[in-house]
Structure formats: structure tokens, C-alpha cells
Amino acid sequence: MPCYRCGARQTDPVRGASPWKRAVRHEAQVLVCPDCQRVHDLDLDTCASCGSIALICRLGEIECRSCGEVRLARADEPLVTAGPPGSARMPGLAAEVEAALDRVLGRS
């Protein structure tokens, strides 16, 4: 999964904790690369109770890792693609892998 803001992809991690951070934006789990973490206006969702951006999204719920509040994700709202403007035109990982396999295997 690329960084939602700049589109950078993670490389193979070194041992230890990853410098990439998980967050929630428009009620979808996103990753934030180390460079984008330095930006103060990331437009991330915040906890309604404590205001923290340390949220995780799983199985239709959003949980605050700071205060522990859990709420249901709003399923009635349309899904929004998290990413920089124009990211819909960028090929996804599946398309990149398919193109690489076509090149390697000589498919047209």
C-alpha cells in the first residue's frame, strides 16, 4: 500500500519498528511515509473523544489507540479514495505487477 499523500511505496524494511505510520483518513486505513509525517496538515481523521490521530480501522470499526474509544465506521457514506489528487490515474500495484509479468513472459 503506498503513502496516501505522495504515493511512495515501502521498501523492504530493516529490522525493528517501521518508520511508516498507519492512520485513518475518510474512514479508511492509510499509510503515511516518514517524509509526509513531517507535514503538520495531513488531513487525517481524529478521535471524537480525545482529538488524537492515532486511529486504526478494522472490521468496520475505528479504534483510537490513545484513549481506546471504538466506534462503527459510517457505512452509509460513499467511499473516498485516500490519496493525492490525480492518484486515480496512477496504476495500482496489481497493474504494475501485471505489466511486469507481461514484459518478462513476453506477452503482448
PDB file of N, CA and C in Angstrom:
ATOM      1  N   MET A   1       0.848  -1.162   0.000  1.00  0.00           N
ATOM      2  CA  MET A   1       0.000   0.000   0.000  1.00  0.00           C
ATOM      3  C   MET A   1       0.902   1.236   0.000  1.00  0.00           C
ATOM      4  N   PRO A   2       0.696   2.165  -0.920  1.00  0.00           N
ATOM      5  CA  PRO A   2       1.539   3.361  -0.974  1.00  0.00           C
ATOM      6  C   PRO A   2       1.124   4.398   0.061  1.00  0.00           C
ATOM      7  N   CYS A   3       1.982   5.385   0.262  1.00  0.00           N
ATOM      8  CA  CYS A   3       1.655   6.523   1.119  1.00  0.00           C
ATOM      9  C   CYS A   3       0.456   7.237   0.501  1.00  0.00           C
ATOM     10  N   TYR A   4      -0.554   7.531   1.306  1.00  0.00           N
ATOM     11  CA  TYR A   4      -1.777   8.134   0.767  1.00  0.00           C
ATOM     12  C   TYR A   4      -1.516   9.532   0.225  1.00  0.00           C
ATOM     13  N   ARG A   5      -0.468  10.186   0.698  1.00  0.00           N
ATOM     14  CA  ARG A   5      -0.248  11.586   0.346  1.00  0.00           C
ATOM     15  C   ARG A   5       0.648  11.755  -0.884  1.00  0.00           C
ATOM     16  N   CYS A   6       1.766  11.028  -0.927  1.00  0.00           N
ATOM     17  CA  CYS A   6       2.724  11.233  -2.021  1.00  0.00           C
ATOM     18  C   CYS A   6       2.805  10.040  -2.971  1.00  0.00           C
ATOM     19  N   GLY A   7       2.250   8.892  -2.589  1.00  0.00           N
ATOM     20  CA  GLY A   7       2.268   7.720  -3.458  1.00  0.00           C
ATOM     21  C   GLY A   7       3.512   6.864  -3.341  1.00  0.00           C
ATOM     22  N   ALA A   8       4.460   7.243  -2.467  1.00  0.00           N
ATOM     23  CA  ALA A   8       5.685   6.452  -2.295  1.00  0.00           C
ATOM     24  C   ALA A   8       5.329   5.064  -1.771  1.00  0.00           C
ATOM     25  N   ARG A   9       6.089   4.075  -2.194  1.00  0.00           N
ATOM     26  CA  ARG A   9       5.858   2.703  -1.735  1.00  0.00           C
ATOM     27  C   ARG A   9       6.939   2.309  -0.731  1.00  0.00           C
ATOM     28  N   GLN A  10       6.555   1.461   0.214  1.00  0.00           N
ATOM     29  CA  GLN A  10       7.506   0.957   1.190  1.00  0.00           C
ATOM     30  C   GLN A  10       8.513   0.053   0.505  1.00  0.00           C
ATOM     31  N   THR A  11       9.735   0.090   0.995  1.00  0.00           N
ATOM     32  CA  THR A  11      10.752  -0.854   0.541  1.00  0.00           C
ATOM     33  C   THR A  11      10.872  -1.928   1.616  1.00  0.00           C
ATOM     34  N   ASP A  12      11.669  -2.949   1.360  1.00  0.00           N
ATOM     35  CA  ASP A  12      11.855  -3.991   2.364  1.00  0.00           C
ATOM     36  C   ASP A  12      12.389  -3.347   3.641  1.00  0.00           C
ATOM     37  N   PRO A  13      11.717  -3.587   4.753  1.00  0.00           N
ATOM     38  CA  PRO A  13      12.120  -2.922   5.996  1.00  0.00           C
ATOM     39  C   PRO A  13      13.386  -3.528   6.588  1.00  0.00           C
ATOM     40  N   VAL A  14      14.090  -2.704   7.335  1.00  0.00           N
ATOM     41  CA  VAL A  14      15.214  -3.196   8.125  1.00  0.00           C
ATOM     42  C   VAL A  14      14.625  -3.705   9.435  1.00  0.00           C
ATOM     43  N   ARG A  15      15.421  -4.398  10.208  1.00  0.00           N
ATOM     44  CA  ARG A  15      14.918  -4.915  11.488  1.00  0.00           C
ATOM     45  C   ARG A  15      14.492  -3.756  12.386  1.00  0.00           C
ATOM     46  N   GLY A  16      13.465  -4.013  13.162  1.00  0.00           N
ATOM     47  CA  GLY A  16      12.984  -3.001  14.097  1.00  0.00           C
ATOM     48  C   GLY A  16      11.652  -2.424  13.647  1.00  0.00           C
ATOM     49  N   ALA A  17      11.231  -1.400  14.339  1.00  0.00           N
ATOM     50  CA  ALA A  17       9.941  -0.767  14.051  1.00  0.00           C
ATOM     51  C   ALA A  17       9.996  -0.025  12.719  1.00  0.00           C
ATOM     52  N   SER A  18       8.907  -0.084  11.988  1.00  0.00           N
ATOM     53  CA  SER A  18       8.820   0.602  10.701  1.00  0.00           C
ATOM     54  C   SER A  18       8.666   2.103  10.923  1.00  0.00           C
ATOM     55  N   PRO A  19       9.340   2.925  10.113  1.00  0.00           N
ATOM     56  CA  PRO A  19       9.156   4.376  10.230  1.00  0.00           C
ATOM     57  C   PRO A  19       7.824   4.838   9.629  1.00  0.00           C
ATOM     58  N   TRP A  20       7.150   3.966   8.893  1.00  0.00           N
ATOM     59  CA  TRP A  20       5.849   4.292   8.317  1.00  0.00           C
ATOM     60  C   TRP A  20       4.791   4.200   9.408  1.00  0.00           C
ATOM     61  N   LYS A  21       3.788   5.063   9.335  1.00  0.00           N
ATOM     62  CA  LYS A  21       2.720   5.078  10.334  1.00  0.00           C
ATOM     63  C   LYS A  21       1.378   4.767   9.691  1.00  0.00           C
ATOM     64  N   ARG A  22       0.549   4.020  10.420  1.00  0.00           N
ATOM     65  CA  ARG A  22      -0.821   3.774   9.987  1.00  0.00           C
ATOM     66  C   ARG A  22      -1.691   4.908  10.509  1.00  0.00           C
ATOM     67  N   ALA A  23      -2.709   5.257   9.732  1.00  0.00           N
ATOM     68  CA  ALA A  23      -3.646   6.302  10.141  1.00  0.00           C
ATOM     69  C   ALA A  23      -4.986   6.021   9.470  1.00  0.00           C
ATOM     70  N   VAL A  24      -5.970   6.841   9.775  1.00  0.00           N
ATOM     71  CA  VAL A  24      -7.288   6.715   9.165  1.00  0.00           C
ATOM     72  C   VAL A  24      -7.629   8.046   8.511  1.00  0.00           C
ATOM     73  N   ARG A  25      -8.070   7.965   7.256  1.00  0.00           N
ATOM     74  CA  ARG A  25      -8.485   9.157   6.511  1.00  0.00           C
ATOM     75  C   ARG A  25      -9.759   8.798   5.767  1.00  0.00           C
ATOM     76  N   HIS A  26     -10.785   9.607   5.942  1.00  0.00           N
ATOM     77  CA  HIS A  26     -12.093   9.332   5.330  1.00  0.00           C
ATOM     78  C   HIS A  26     -12.544   7.914   5.666  1.00  0.00           C
ATOM     79  N   GLU A  27     -12.278   7.526   6.923  1.00  0.00           N
ATOM     80  CA  GLU A  27     -12.687   6.231   7.465  1.00  0.00           C
ATOM     81  C   GLU A  27     -12.075   5.038   6.739  1.00  0.00           C
ATOM     82  N   ALA A  28     -10.906   5.225   6.153  1.00  0.00           N
ATOM     83  CA  ALA A  28     -10.172   4.139   5.506  1.00  0.00           C
ATOM     84  C   ALA A  28      -8.750   4.127   6.060  1.00  0.00           C
ATOM     85  N   GLN A  29      -8.209   2.926   6.259  1.00  0.00           N
ATOM     86  CA  GLN A  29      -6.839   2.786   6.745  1.00  0.00           C
ATOM     87  C   GLN A  29      -5.878   3.261   5.667  1.00  0.00           C
ATOM     88  N   VAL A  30      -4.909   4.103   6.033  1.00  0.00           N
ATOM     89  CA  VAL A  30      -3.898   4.585   5.099  1.00  0.00           C
ATOM     90  C   VAL A  30      -2.524   4.463   5.751  1.00  0.00           C
ATOM     91  N   LEU A  31      -1.490   4.523   4.926  1.00  0.00           N
ATOM     92  CA  LEU A  31      -0.117   4.584   5.415  1.00  0.00           C
ATOM     93  C   LEU A  31       0.436   5.972   5.143  1.00  0.00           C
ATOM     94  N   VAL A  32       1.313   6.431   6.046  1.00  0.00           N
ATOM     95  CA  VAL A  32       1.960   7.731   5.889  1.00  0.00           C
ATOM     96  C   VAL A  32       3.462   7.496   5.937  1.00  0.00           C
ATOM     97  N   CYS A  33       4.168   7.909   4.875  1.00  0.00           N
ATOM     98  CA  CYS A  33       5.619   7.704   4.806  1.00  0.00           C
ATOM     99  C   CYS A  33       6.334   8.661   5.769  1.00  0.00           C
ATOM    100  N   PRO A  34       7.588   8.380   6.092  1.00  0.00           N
ATOM    101  CA  PRO A  34       8.327   9.239   7.019  1.00  0.00           C
ATOM    102  C   PRO A  34       8.424  10.692   6.549  1.00  0.00           C
ATOM    103  N   ASP A  35       8.599  10.925   5.244  1.00  0.00           N
ATOM    104  CA  ASP A  35       8.697  12.299   4.747  1.00  0.00           C
ATOM    105  C   ASP A  35       7.396  13.061   4.951  1.00  0.00           C
ATOM    106  N   CYS A  36       6.268  12.429   4.656  1.00  0.00           N
ATOM    107  CA  CYS A  36       4.972  13.102   4.798  1.00  0.00           C
ATOM    108  C   CYS A  36       4.579  13.271   6.261  1.00  0.00           C
ATOM    109  N   GLN A  37       5.141  12.468   7.160  1.00  0.00           N
ATOM    110  CA  GLN A  37       4.841  12.623   8.584  1.00  0.00           C
ATOM    111  C   GLN A  37       5.330  13.962   9.109  1.00  0.00           C
ATOM    112  N   ARG A  38       6.292  14.564   8.443  1.00  0.00           N
ATOM    113  CA  ARG A  38       6.822  15.858   8.875  1.00  0.00           C
ATOM    114  C   ARG A  38       5.856  17.002   8.581  1.00  0.00           C
ATOM    115  N   VAL A  39       4.908  16.775   7.663  1.00  0.00           N
ATOM    116  CA  VAL A  39       3.913  17.790   7.324  1.00  0.00           C
ATOM    117  C   VAL A  39       2.868  17.811   8.437  1.00  0.00           C
ATOM    118  N   HIS A  40       2.499  19.001   8.877  1.00  0.00           N
ATOM    119  CA  HIS A  40       1.569  19.095  10.002  1.00  0.00           C
ATOM    120  C   HIS A  40       0.112  19.031   9.579  1.00  0.00           C
ATOM    121  N   ASP A  41      -0.210  19.305   8.322  1.00  0.00           N
ATOM    122  CA  ASP A  41      -1.598  19.274   7.861  1.00  0.00           C
ATOM    123  C   ASP A  41      -1.807  18.047   6.981  1.00  0.00           C
ATOM    124  N   LEU A  42      -1.992  16.879   7.615  1.00  0.00           N
ATOM    125  CA  LEU A  42      -2.134  15.632   6.869  1.00  0.00           C
ATOM    126  C   LEU A  42      -3.579  15.311   6.523  1.00  0.00           C
ATOM    127  N   ASP A  43      -4.538  16.069   7.043  1.00  0.00           N
ATOM    128  CA  ASP A  43      -5.960  15.852   6.770  1.00  0.00           C
ATOM    129  C   ASP A  43      -6.380  14.431   7.142  1.00  0.00           C
ATOM    130  N   LEU A  44      -6.007  14.017   8.357  1.00  0.00           N
ATOM    131  CA  LEU A  44      -6.362  12.690   8.852  1.00  0.00           C
ATOM    132  C   LEU A  44      -7.578  12.795   9.768  1.00  0.00           C
ATOM    133  N   ASP A  45      -8.319  11.690   9.893  1.00  0.00           N
ATOM    134  CA  ASP A  45      -9.441  11.648  10.825  1.00  0.00           C
ATOM    135  C   ASP A  45      -8.901  11.723  12.253  1.00  0.00           C
ATOM    136  N   THR A  46      -9.697  12.286  13.152  1.00  0.00           N
ATOM    137  CA  THR A  46      -9.307  12.392  14.555  1.00  0.00           C
ATOM    138  C   THR A  46     -10.362  11.739  15.440  1.00  0.00           C
ATOM    139  N   CYS A  47      -9.956  11.392  16.642  1.00  0.00           N
ATOM    140  CA  CYS A  47     -10.858  10.798  17.622  1.00  0.00           C
ATOM    141  C   CYS A  47     -11.821  11.869  18.131  1.00  0.00           C
ATOM    142  N   ALA A  48     -13.109  11.537  18.194  1.00  0.00           N
ATOM    143  CA  ALA A  48     -14.112  12.483  18.685  1.00  0.00           C
ATOM    144  C   ALA A  48     -13.951  12.743  20.179  1.00  0.00           C
ATOM    145  N   SER A  49     -13.364  11.810  20.919  1.00  0.00           N
ATOM    146  CA  SER A  49     -13.218  11.972  22.369  1.00  0.00           C
ATOM    147  C   SER A  49     -11.977  12.756  22.766  1.00  0.00           C
ATOM    148  N   CYS A  50     -10.825  12.368  22.209  1.00  0.00           N
ATOM    149  CA  CYS A  50      -9.574  12.982  22.670  1.00  0.00           C
ATOM    150  C   CYS A  50      -8.851  13.804  21.604  1.00  0.00           C
ATOM    151  N   GLY A  51      -9.287  13.729  20.341  1.00  0.00           N
ATOM    152  CA  GLY A  51      -8.662  14.516  19.277  1.00  0.00           C
ATOM    153  C   GLY A  51      -7.411  13.899  18.681  1.00  0.00           C
ATOM    154  N   SER A  52      -7.032  12.710  19.108  1.00  0.00           N
ATOM    155  CA  SER A  52      -5.827  12.048  18.615  1.00  0.00           C
ATOM    156  C   SER A  52      -6.005  11.585  17.166  1.00  0.00           C
ATOM    157  N   ILE A  53      -4.885  11.534  16.425  1.00  0.00           N
ATOM    158  CA  ILE A  53      -4.915  10.973  15.070  1.00  0.00           C
ATOM    159  C   ILE A  53      -4.446   9.518  15.069  1.00  0.00           C
ATOM    160  N   ALA A  54      -4.171   8.969  16.255  1.00  0.00           N
ATOM    161  CA  ALA A  54      -3.706   7.580  16.376  1.00  0.00           C
ATOM    162  C   ALA A  54      -4.901   6.636  16.284  1.00  0.00           C
ATOM    163  N   LEU A  55      -5.477   6.522  15.089  1.00  0.00           N
ATOM    164  CA  LEU A  55      -6.645   5.684  14.865  1.00  0.00           C
ATOM    165  C   LEU A  55      -6.275   4.495  13.996  1.00  0.00           C
ATOM    166  N   ILE A  56      -6.992   3.387  14.197  1.00  0.00           N
ATOM    167  CA  ILE A  56      -6.865   2.239  13.307  1.00  0.00           C
ATOM    168  C   ILE A  56      -8.264   1.833  12.872  1.00  0.00           C
ATOM    169  N   CYS A  57      -8.355   1.318  11.666  1.00  0.00           N
ATOM    170  CA  CYS A  57      -9.638   0.911  11.100  1.00  0.00           C
ATOM    171  C   CYS A  57      -9.569  -0.587  10.845  1.00  0.00           C
ATOM    172  N   ARG A  58     -10.553  -1.314  11.400  1.00  0.00           N
ATOM    173  CA  ARG A  58     -10.574  -2.759  11.176  1.00  0.00           C
ATOM    174  C   ARG A  58     -11.992  -3.286  11.344  1.00  0.00           C
ATOM    175  N   LEU A  59     -12.378  -4.166  10.456  1.00  0.00           N
ATOM    176  CA  LEU A  59     -13.664  -4.855  10.520  1.00  0.00           C
ATOM    177  C   LEU A  59     -14.842  -3.915  10.765  1.00  0.00           C
ATOM    178  N   GLY A  60     -14.866  -2.797  10.062  1.00  0.00           N
ATOM    179  CA  GLY A  60     -15.991  -1.874  10.162  1.00  0.00           C
ATOM    180  C   GLY A  60     -15.991  -1.010  11.403  1.00  0.00           C
ATOM    181  N   GLU A  61     -14.906  -1.039  12.164  1.00  0.00           N
ATOM    182  CA  GLU A  61     -14.789  -0.218  13.367  1.00  0.00           C
ATOM    183  C   GLU A  61     -13.558   0.666  13.276  1.00  0.00           C
ATOM    184  N   ILE A  62     -13.627   1.796  13.955  1.00  0.00           N
ATOM    185  CA  ILE A  62     -12.475   2.679  14.060  1.00  0.00           C
ATOM    186  C   ILE A  62     -12.151   2.801  15.541  1.00  0.00           C
ATOM    187  N   GLU A  63     -10.903   2.477  15.893  1.00  0.00           N
ATOM    188  CA  GLU A  63     -10.480   2.493  17.290  1.00  0.00           C
ATOM    189  C   GLU A  63      -9.382   3.521  17.491  1.00  0.00           C
ATOM    190  N   CYS A  64      -9.496   4.278  18.582  1.00  0.00           N
ATOM    191  CA  CYS A  64      -8.459   5.237  18.951  1.00  0.00           C
ATOM    192  C   CYS A  64      -7.421   4.504  19.784  1.00  0.00           C
ATOM    193  N   ARG A  65      -6.167   4.581  19.374  1.00  0.00           N
ATOM    194  CA  ARG A  65      -5.104   3.902  20.113  1.00  0.00           C
ATOM    195  C   ARG A  65      -4.660   4.715  21.318  1.00  0.00           C
ATOM    196  N   SER A  66      -5.101   5.979  21.399  1.00  0.00           N
ATOM    197  CA  SER A  66      -4.743   6.805  22.554  1.00  0.00           C
ATOM    198  C   SER A  66      -5.687   6.586  23.731  1.00  0.00           C
ATOM    199  N   CYS A  67      -7.006   6.689  23.487  1.00  0.00           N
ATOM    200  CA  CYS A  67      -7.967   6.588  24.592  1.00  0.00           C
ATOM    201  C   CYS A  67      -8.785   5.304  24.566  1.00  0.00           C
ATOM    202  N   GLY A  68      -8.703   4.516  23.482  1.00  0.00           N
ATOM    203  CA  GLY A  68      -9.400   3.242  23.416  1.00  0.00           C
ATOM    204  C   GLY A  68     -10.834   3.305  22.919  1.00  0.00           C
ATOM    205  N   GLU A  69     -11.337   4.500  22.592  1.00  0.00           N
ATOM    206  CA  GLU A  69     -12.717   4.595  22.102  1.00  0.00           C
ATOM    207  C   GLU A  69     -12.866   3.829  20.790  1.00  0.00           C
ATOM    208  N   VAL A  70     -13.967   3.097  20.665  1.00  0.00           N
ATOM    209  CA  VAL A  70     -14.269   2.344  19.453  1.00  0.00           C
ATOM    210  C   VAL A  70     -15.616   2.819  18.942  1.00  0.00           C
ATOM    211  N   ARG A  71     -15.693   3.064  17.641  1.00  0.00           N
ATOM    212  CA  ARG A  71     -16.968   3.442  17.027  1.00  0.00           C
ATOM    213  C   ARG A  71     -17.095   2.721  15.699  1.00  0.00           C
ATOM    214  N   LEU A  72     -18.318   2.598  15.243  1.00  0.00           N
ATOM    215  CA  LEU A  72     -18.563   1.977  13.950  1.00  0.00           C
ATOM    216  C   LEU A  72     -18.210   2.951  12.839  1.00  0.00           C
ATOM    217  N   ALA A  73     -17.619   2.427  11.778  1.00  0.00           N
ATOM    218  CA  ALA A  73     -17.377   3.251  10.593  1.00  0.00           C
ATOM    219  C   ALA A  73     -18.728   3.517   9.945  1.00  0.00           C
ATOM    220  N   ARG A  74     -18.893   4.704   9.421  1.00  0.00           N
ATOM    221  CA  ARG A  74     -20.169   5.063   8.787  1.00  0.00           C
ATOM    222  C   ARG A  74     -20.249   4.418   7.418  1.00  0.00           C
ATOM    223  N   ALA A  75     -21.028   3.367   7.291  1.00  0.00           N
ATOM    224  CA  ALA A  75     -21.145   2.628   6.034  1.00  0.00           C
ATOM    225  C   ALA A  75     -22.068   3.316   5.045  1.00  0.00           C
ATOM    226  N   ASP A  76     -22.899   4.283   5.517  1.00  0.00           N
ATOM    227  CA  ASP A  76     -23.846   4.922   4.616  1.00  0.00           C
ATOM    228  C   ASP A  76     -23.214   6.011   3.764  1.00  0.00           C
ATOM    229  N   GLU A  77     -21.978   6.400   4.075  1.00  0.00           N
ATOM    230  CA  GLU A  77     -21.296   7.415   3.285  1.00  0.00           C
ATOM    231  C   GLU A  77     -20.535   6.745   2.143  1.00  0.00           C
ATOM    232  N   PRO A  78     -20.439   7.416   0.986  1.00  0.00           N
ATOM    233  CA  PRO A  78     -19.684   6.825  -0.121  1.00  0.00           C
ATOM    234  C   PRO A  78     -18.205   6.739   0.227  1.00  0.00           C
ATOM    235  N   LEU A  79     -17.560   5.712  -0.282  1.00  0.00           N
ATOM    236  CA  LEU A  79     -16.131   5.547  -0.046  1.00  0.00           C
ATOM    237  C   LEU A  79     -15.353   6.586  -0.823  1.00  0.00           C
ATOM    238  N   VAL A  80     -14.303   7.092  -0.208  1.00  0.00           N
ATOM    239  CA  VAL A  80     -13.443   8.079  -0.836  1.00  0.00           C
ATOM    240  C   VAL A  80     -12.062   7.468  -0.940  1.00  0.00           C
ATOM    241  N   THR A  81     -11.463   7.545  -2.109  1.00  0.00           N
ATOM    242  CA  THR A  81     -10.118   7.033  -2.284  1.00  0.00           C
ATOM    243  C   THR A  81      -9.148   7.949  -1.566  1.00  0.00           C
ATOM    244  N   ALA A  82      -8.386   7.412  -0.643  1.00  0.00           N
ATOM    245  CA  ALA A  82      -7.389   8.199   0.056  1.00  0.00           C
ATOM    246  C   ALA A  82      -6.157   8.286  -0.824  1.00  0.00           C
ATOM    247  N   GLY A  83      -5.732   9.472  -1.131  1.00  0.00           N
ATOM    248  CA  GLY A  83      -4.549   9.651  -1.951  1.00  0.00           C
ATOM    249  C   GLY A  83      -4.459  11.053  -2.481  1.00  0.00           C
ATOM    250  N   PRO A  84      -3.315  11.401  -3.057  1.00  0.00           N
ATOM    251  CA  PRO A  84      -3.140  12.738  -3.593  1.00  0.00           C
ATOM    252  C   PRO A  84      -4.025  12.956  -4.810  1.00  0.00           C
ATOM    253  N   PRO A  85      -4.321  14.220  -5.134  1.00  0.00           N
ATOM    254  CA  PRO A  85      -5.124  14.480  -6.330  1.00  0.00           C
ATOM    255  C   PRO A  85      -4.483  13.841  -7.552  1.00  0.00           C
ATOM    256  N   GLY A  86      -5.289  13.202  -8.370  1.00  0.00           N
ATOM    257  CA  GLY A  86      -4.785  12.558  -9.578  1.00  0.00           C
ATOM    258  C   GLY A  86      -4.272  11.154  -9.357  1.00  0.00           C
ATOM    259  N   SER A  87      -4.339  10.661  -8.104  1.00  0.00           N
ATOM    260  CA  SER A  87      -3.799   9.322  -7.847  1.00  0.00           C
ATOM    261  C   SER A  87      -4.620   8.235  -8.521  1.00  0.00           C
ATOM    262  N   ALA A  88      -5.859   8.538  -8.886  1.00  0.00           N
ATOM    263  CA  ALA A  88      -6.682   7.541  -9.572  1.00  0.00           C
ATOM    264  C   ALA A  88      -6.098   7.195 -10.935  1.00  0.00           C
ATOM    265  N   ARG A  89      -5.314   8.115 -11.502  1.00  0.00           N
ATOM    266  CA  ARG A  89      -4.697   7.859 -12.803  1.00  0.00           C
ATOM    267  C   ARG A  89      -3.426   7.033 -12.672  1.00  0.00           C
ATOM    268  N   MET A  90      -2.849   6.966 -11.448  1.00  0.00           N
ATOM    269  CA  MET A  90      -1.631   6.195 -11.240  1.00  0.00           C
ATOM    270  C   MET A  90      -1.985   4.716 -11.186  1.00  0.00           C
ATOM    271  N   PRO A  91      -1.208   3.868 -11.850  1.00  0.00           N
ATOM    272  CA  PRO A  91      -1.529   2.442 -11.810  1.00  0.00           C
ATOM    273  C   PRO A  91      -1.312   1.887 -10.410  1.00  0.00           C
ATOM    274  N   GLY A  92      -2.162   0.970 -10.019  1.00  0.00           N
ATOM    275  CA  GLY A  92      -2.028   0.334  -8.723  1.00  0.00           C
ATOM    276  C   GLY A  92      -0.979  -0.756  -8.777  1.00  0.00           C
ATOM    277  N   LEU A  93      -0.706  -1.337  -7.649  1.00  0.00           N
ATOM    278  CA  LEU A  93       0.306  -2.384  -7.570  1.00  0.00           C
ATOM    279  C   LEU A  93      -0.060  -3.567  -8.454  1.00  0.00           C
ATOM    280  N   ALA A  94      -1.337  -3.934  -8.495  1.00  0.00           N
ATOM    281  CA  ALA A  94      -1.761  -5.066  -9.329  1.00  0.00           C
ATOM    282  C   ALA A  94      -1.465  -4.799 -10.800  1.00  0.00           C
ATOM    283  N   ALA A  95      -1.719  -3.573 -11.255  1.00  0.00           N
ATOM    284  CA  ALA A  95      -1.450  -3.225 -12.650  1.00  0.00           C
ATOM    285  C   ALA A  95       0.051  -3.234 -12.931  1.00  0.00           C
ATOM    286  N   GLU A  96       0.853  -2.764 -11.965  1.00  0.00           N
ATOM    287  CA  GLU A  96       2.304  -2.763 -12.134  1.00  0.00           C
ATOM    288  C   GLU A  96       2.834  -4.195 -12.228  1.00  0.00           C
ATOM    289  N   VAL A  97       2.342  -5.075 -11.378  1.00  0.00           N
ATOM    290  CA  VAL A  97       2.782  -6.476 -11.394  1.00  0.00           C
ATOM    291  C   VAL A  97       2.376  -7.142 -12.699  1.00  0.00           C
ATOM    292  N   GLU A  98       1.148  -6.892 -13.146  1.00  0.00           N
ATOM    293  CA  GLU A  98       0.685  -7.476 -14.405  1.00  0.00           C
ATOM    294  C   GLU A  98       1.543  -7.008 -15.574  1.00  0.00           C
ATOM    295  N   ALA A  99       1.876  -5.719 -15.618  1.00  0.00           N
ATOM    296  CA  ALA A  99       2.713  -5.197 -16.697  1.00  0.00           C
ATOM    297  C   ALA A  99       4.112  -5.808 -16.649  1.00  0.00           C
ATOM    298  N   ALA A 100       4.670  -5.980 -15.445  1.00  0.00           N
ATOM    299  CA  ALA A 100       5.999  -6.581 -15.310  1.00  0.00           C
ATOM    300  C   ALA A 100       5.985  -8.039 -15.763  1.00  0.00           C
ATOM    301  N   LEU A 101       4.948  -8.783 -15.399  1.00  0.00           N
ATOM    302  CA  LEU A 101       4.843 -10.177 -15.845  1.00  0.00           C
ATOM    303  C   LEU A 101       4.709 -10.260 -17.360  1.00  0.00           C
ATOM    304  N   ASP A 102       3.937  -9.358 -17.949  1.00  0.00           N
ATOM    305  CA  ASP A 102       3.795  -9.337 -19.407  1.00  0.00           C
ATOM    306  C   ASP A 102       5.144  -9.105 -20.078  1.00  0.00           C
ATOM    307  N   ARG A 103       5.949  -8.179 -19.527  1.00  0.00           N
ATOM    308  CA  ARG A 103       7.271  -7.900 -20.104  1.00  0.00           C
ATOM    309  C   ARG A 103       8.179  -9.118 -19.979  1.00  0.00           C
ATOM    310  N   VAL A 104       8.232  -9.713 -18.787  1.00  0.00           N
ATOM    311  CA  VAL A 104       9.138 -10.831 -18.526  1.00  0.00           C
ATOM    312  C   VAL A 104       8.742 -12.068 -19.321  1.00  0.00           C
ATOM    313  N   LEU A 105       7.449 -12.329 -19.409  1.00  0.00           N
ATOM    314  CA  LEU A 105       6.972 -13.528 -20.094  1.00  0.00           C
ATOM    315  C   LEU A 105       6.737 -13.311 -21.584  1.00  0.00           C
ATOM    316  N   GLY A 106       6.995 -12.101 -22.069  1.00  0.00           N
ATOM    317  CA  GLY A 106       6.864 -11.822 -23.496  1.00  0.00           C
ATOM    318  C   GLY A 106       5.438 -11.792 -23.997  1.00  0.00           C
ATOM    319  N   ARG A 107       4.496 -11.530 -23.107  1.00  0.00           N
ATOM    320  CA  ARG A 107       3.091 -11.435 -23.529  1.00  0.00           C
ATOM    321  C   ARG A 107       2.822 -10.055 -24.102  1.00  0.00           C
ATOM    322  N   SER A 108       1.892 -10.003 -25.038  1.00  0.00           N
ATOM    323  CA  SER A 108       1.547  -8.705 -25.635  1.00  0.00           C
ATOM    324  C   SER A 108       0.302  -8.147 -25.039  1.00  0.00           C
TER     325      SER A 108
END
